[in-house]
Structure formats: C-alpha cells, structure tokens
C-alpha cells in the first residue's frame, strides 16, 4: 500500500515519469530522495500514533492482514484473525481509519 501511494505521489508531483519510447523511468534523484525521506517521516509518525492506540493482538492481526493483500474479504480473513470474531477486528481497525469498506469489490481495503 505505502509503496503504491509513494509512487503515485512521486508521479503526481512530476518527480517520476515513464519514458515509453525507451522503457525507462525518469526522475530527479535528489528531489525523489528528499520526497522519499519526507514521506517516510510522515508515514512513521502516523503509524506510531495509530499503533500506540492498538492492543497487541490487533497489531498482530494487522500484520497478518497485510500479508494477505490490500483487499480483505471477511470470509477469508476469519481463518487468520485470532482469537476474536473478524467483524470486531474489522470494526476496530476501520474506526482507527486503517481499513475502509470497498463497496465496488465488496471487501475491506487498506
């Protein structure tokens, strides 16, 4: 998720582009490095604030969920989330803004 969003940010800010004629990425390495450092600091700050509010089982379940992909289906997730009901886990992490419900795909997303 973070890699995708970081790449999207670099493209949106015109710091990274694809040269389709030569199949190469073009970038200003110094500006990209500065942006990556800024994004990393913001990400770490946000995650540390969110994680500080979560209990250890929820953090462990989030780690498992992250390995399953960016789209989470409750009927699959129930086999990996322990020891609580998957609906309680999803409600709690959605309340913290970590997951949203994707109506188009009928699943939860990071």
C-alpha atoms as a PDB file:
ATOM      1  CA  UNK A   1       0.000   0.000   0.000  1.00  0.00           C
ATOM      2  CA  UNK A   2       2.638   2.507   1.034  1.00  0.00           C
ATOM      3  CA  UNK A   3       4.814   1.727  -1.973  1.00  0.00           C
ATOM      4  CA  UNK A   4       1.894   2.266  -4.349  1.00  0.00           C
ATOM      5  CA  UNK A   5       0.911   5.542  -2.673  1.00  0.00           C
ATOM      6  CA  UNK A   6       4.511   6.761  -2.609  1.00  0.00           C
ATOM      7  CA  UNK A   7       4.943   6.061  -6.320  1.00  0.00           C
ATOM      8  CA  UNK A   8       1.641   7.784  -7.034  1.00  0.00           C
ATOM      9  CA  UNK A   9       2.827  10.820  -5.054  1.00  0.00           C
ATOM     10  CA  UNK A  10       6.100  10.942  -6.997  1.00  0.00           C
ATOM     11  CA  UNK A  11       4.248  10.794 -10.316  1.00  0.00           C
ATOM     12  CA  UNK A  12       1.654  13.371  -9.222  1.00  0.00           C
ATOM     13  CA  UNK A  13       4.426  15.769  -8.195  1.00  0.00           C
ATOM     14  CA  UNK A  14       6.144  15.179 -11.535  1.00  0.00           C
ATOM     15  CA  UNK A  15       9.230  13.786  -9.791  1.00  0.00           C
ATOM     16  CA  UNK A  16       8.942  10.437 -11.550  1.00  0.00           C
ATOM     17  CA  UNK A  17       7.794   9.626 -15.066  1.00  0.00           C
ATOM     18  CA  UNK A  18       7.957   6.782 -17.547  1.00  0.00           C
ATOM     19  CA  UNK A  19       9.633   7.262 -20.902  1.00  0.00           C
ATOM     20  CA  UNK A  20       7.605   4.860 -23.047  1.00  0.00           C
ATOM     21  CA  UNK A  21       9.914   5.298 -26.064  1.00  0.00           C
ATOM     22  CA  UNK A  22      12.899   3.938 -24.143  1.00  0.00           C
ATOM     23  CA  UNK A  23      11.051   1.952 -21.435  1.00  0.00           C
ATOM     24  CA  UNK A  24      12.828   3.895 -18.693  1.00  0.00           C
ATOM     25  CA  UNK A  25      11.834   5.760 -15.576  1.00  0.00           C
ATOM     26  CA  UNK A  26      12.898   9.387 -15.500  1.00  0.00           C
ATOM     27  CA  UNK A  27      13.443  11.227 -12.267  1.00  0.00           C
ATOM     28  CA  UNK A  28      15.367  13.914 -10.468  1.00  0.00           C
ATOM     29  CA  UNK A  29      17.196  11.706  -7.988  1.00  0.00           C
ATOM     30  CA  UNK A  30      17.848  14.462  -5.463  1.00  0.00           C
ATOM     31  CA  UNK A  31      14.202  15.590  -5.391  1.00  0.00           C
ATOM     32  CA  UNK A  32      12.983  11.987  -5.247  1.00  0.00           C
ATOM     33  CA  UNK A  33      15.314  11.277  -2.311  1.00  0.00           C
ATOM     34  CA  UNK A  34      14.039  14.339  -0.460  1.00  0.00           C
ATOM     35  CA  UNK A  35      10.411  13.367  -1.095  1.00  0.00           C
ATOM     36  CA  UNK A  36      11.005   9.766   0.000  1.00  0.00           C
ATOM     37  CA  UNK A  37      12.601  10.974   3.227  1.00  0.00           C
ATOM     38  CA  UNK A  38       9.622  13.280   3.879  1.00  0.00           C
ATOM     39  CA  UNK A  39       7.082  10.557   3.086  1.00  0.00           C
ATOM     40  CA  UNK A  40       8.930   8.125   5.351  1.00  0.00           C
ATOM     41  CA  UNK A  41       8.869  10.540   8.280  1.00  0.00           C
ATOM     42  CA  UNK A  42       5.145  11.252   7.820  1.00  0.00           C
ATOM     43  CA  UNK A  43       4.338   7.547   7.495  1.00  0.00           C
ATOM     44  CA  UNK A  44       6.298   6.663  10.629  1.00  0.00           C
ATOM     45  CA  UNK A  45       4.677   9.465  12.616  1.00  0.00           C
ATOM     46  CA  UNK A  46       1.152   8.463  11.590  1.00  0.00           C
ATOM     47  CA  UNK A  47       1.747   4.775  12.162  1.00  0.00           C
ATOM     48  CA  UNK A  48       3.306   5.308  15.574  1.00  0.00           C
ATOM     49  CA  UNK A  49       0.296   7.360  16.701  1.00  0.00           C
ATOM     50  CA  UNK A  50      -2.163   4.762  15.440  1.00  0.00           C
ATOM     51  CA  UNK A  51      -0.256   1.747  16.719  1.00  0.00           C
ATOM     52  CA  UNK A  52       0.050   3.315  20.176  1.00  0.00           C
ATOM     53  CA  UNK A  53      -3.752   3.119  20.423  1.00  0.00           C
ATOM     54  CA  UNK A  54      -3.992  -0.565  19.479  1.00  0.00           C
ATOM     55  CA  UNK A  55      -3.661  -3.632  21.662  1.00  0.00           C
ATOM     56  CA  UNK A  56      -1.006  -6.274  20.809  1.00  0.00           C
ATOM     57  CA  UNK A  57      -3.465  -8.861  19.367  1.00  0.00           C
ATOM     58  CA  UNK A  58      -4.846  -6.237  16.969  1.00  0.00           C
ATOM     59  CA  UNK A  59      -1.326  -5.304  15.866  1.00  0.00           C
ATOM     60  CA  UNK A  60      -0.523  -8.966  15.219  1.00  0.00           C
ATOM     61  CA  UNK A  61      -3.763  -9.402  13.250  1.00  0.00           C
ATOM     62  CA  UNK A  62      -2.888  -6.326  11.171  1.00  0.00           C
ATOM     63  CA  UNK A  63       0.477  -7.841  10.316  1.00  0.00           C
ATOM     64  CA  UNK A  64      -1.262 -10.996   9.124  1.00  0.00           C
ATOM     65  CA  UNK A  65      -3.844  -8.996   7.173  1.00  0.00           C
ATOM     66  CA  UNK A  66      -1.084  -7.006   5.461  1.00  0.00           C
ATOM     67  CA  UNK A  67       0.405 -10.262   4.177  1.00  0.00           C
ATOM     68  CA  UNK A  68      -2.934 -11.230   2.630  1.00  0.00           C
ATOM     69  CA  UNK A  69      -3.019  -8.224   0.305  1.00  0.00           C
ATOM     70  CA  UNK A  70      -4.689  -4.850   0.030  1.00  0.00           C
ATOM     71  CA  UNK A  71      -8.211  -6.293  -0.322  1.00  0.00           C
ATOM     72  CA  UNK A  72      -9.516  -8.225   2.642  1.00  0.00           C
ATOM     73  CA  UNK A  73     -12.522 -10.500   2.439  1.00  0.00           C
ATOM     74  CA  UNK A  74     -14.062 -11.337   5.832  1.00  0.00           C
ATOM     75  CA  UNK A  75     -14.789 -14.947   4.885  1.00  0.00           C
ATOM     76  CA  UNK A  76     -11.073 -15.496   4.159  1.00  0.00           C
ATOM     77  CA  UNK A  77      -9.751 -13.258   6.926  1.00  0.00           C
ATOM     78  CA  UNK A  78     -11.704 -15.211   9.570  1.00  0.00           C
ATOM     79  CA  UNK A  79      -9.234 -18.084   9.200  1.00  0.00           C
ATOM     80  CA  UNK A  80      -6.281 -15.853  10.022  1.00  0.00           C
ATOM     81  CA  UNK A  81      -7.568 -13.411  12.648  1.00  0.00           C
ATOM     82  CA  UNK A  82      -7.377 -14.780  16.163  1.00  0.00           C
ATOM     83  CA  UNK A  83      -8.820 -15.031  18.756  1.00  0.00           C
ATOM     84  CA  UNK A  84     -11.702 -12.609  18.161  1.00  0.00           C
ATOM     85  CA  UNK A  85     -14.539 -12.544  15.620  1.00  0.00           C
ATOM     86  CA  UNK A  86     -13.419 -10.985  12.366  1.00  0.00           C
ATOM     87  CA  UNK A  87     -16.246  -8.417  12.468  1.00  0.00           C
ATOM     88  CA  UNK A  88     -14.947  -6.966  15.749  1.00  0.00           C
ATOM     89  CA  UNK A  89     -11.416  -6.756  14.351  1.00  0.00           C
ATOM     90  CA  UNK A  90     -12.603  -5.039  11.154  1.00  0.00           C
ATOM     91  CA  UNK A  91     -14.795  -2.581  13.071  1.00  0.00           C
ATOM     92  CA  UNK A  92     -11.939  -1.625  15.382  1.00  0.00           C
ATOM     93  CA  UNK A  93      -9.347  -1.060  12.650  1.00  0.00           C
ATOM     94  CA  UNK A  94     -11.897   0.776  10.481  1.00  0.00           C
ATOM     95  CA  UNK A  95     -12.624   3.086  13.419  1.00  0.00           C
ATOM     96  CA  UNK A  96      -8.894   3.946  13.505  1.00  0.00           C
ATOM     97  CA  UNK A  97      -9.007   4.656   9.765  1.00  0.00           C
ATOM     98  CA  UNK A  98      -6.799   1.728   8.781  1.00  0.00           C
ATOM     99  CA  UNK A  99      -9.394  -0.088   6.656  1.00  0.00           C
ATOM    100  CA  UNK A 100     -12.284   1.154   4.576  1.00  0.00           C
ATOM    101  CA  UNK A 101     -15.081  -0.842   3.020  1.00  0.00           C
ATOM    102  CA  UNK A 102     -14.764  -1.102  -0.754  1.00  0.00           C
ATOM    103  CA  UNK A 103     -18.345  -1.401  -1.994  1.00  0.00           C
ATOM    104  CA  UNK A 104     -17.295  -1.972  -5.575  1.00  0.00           C
ATOM    105  CA  UNK A 105     -15.405  -5.155  -4.646  1.00  0.00           C
ATOM    106  CA  UNK A 106     -17.462  -5.980  -1.525  1.00  0.00           C
ATOM    107  CA  UNK A 107     -14.377  -6.214   0.664  1.00  0.00           C
ATOM    108  CA  UNK A 108     -12.254  -4.221   3.101  1.00  0.00           C
ATOM    109  CA  UNK A 109      -9.171  -2.352   1.868  1.00  0.00           C
ATOM    110  CA  UNK A 110      -6.094  -0.841   3.436  1.00  0.00           C
END
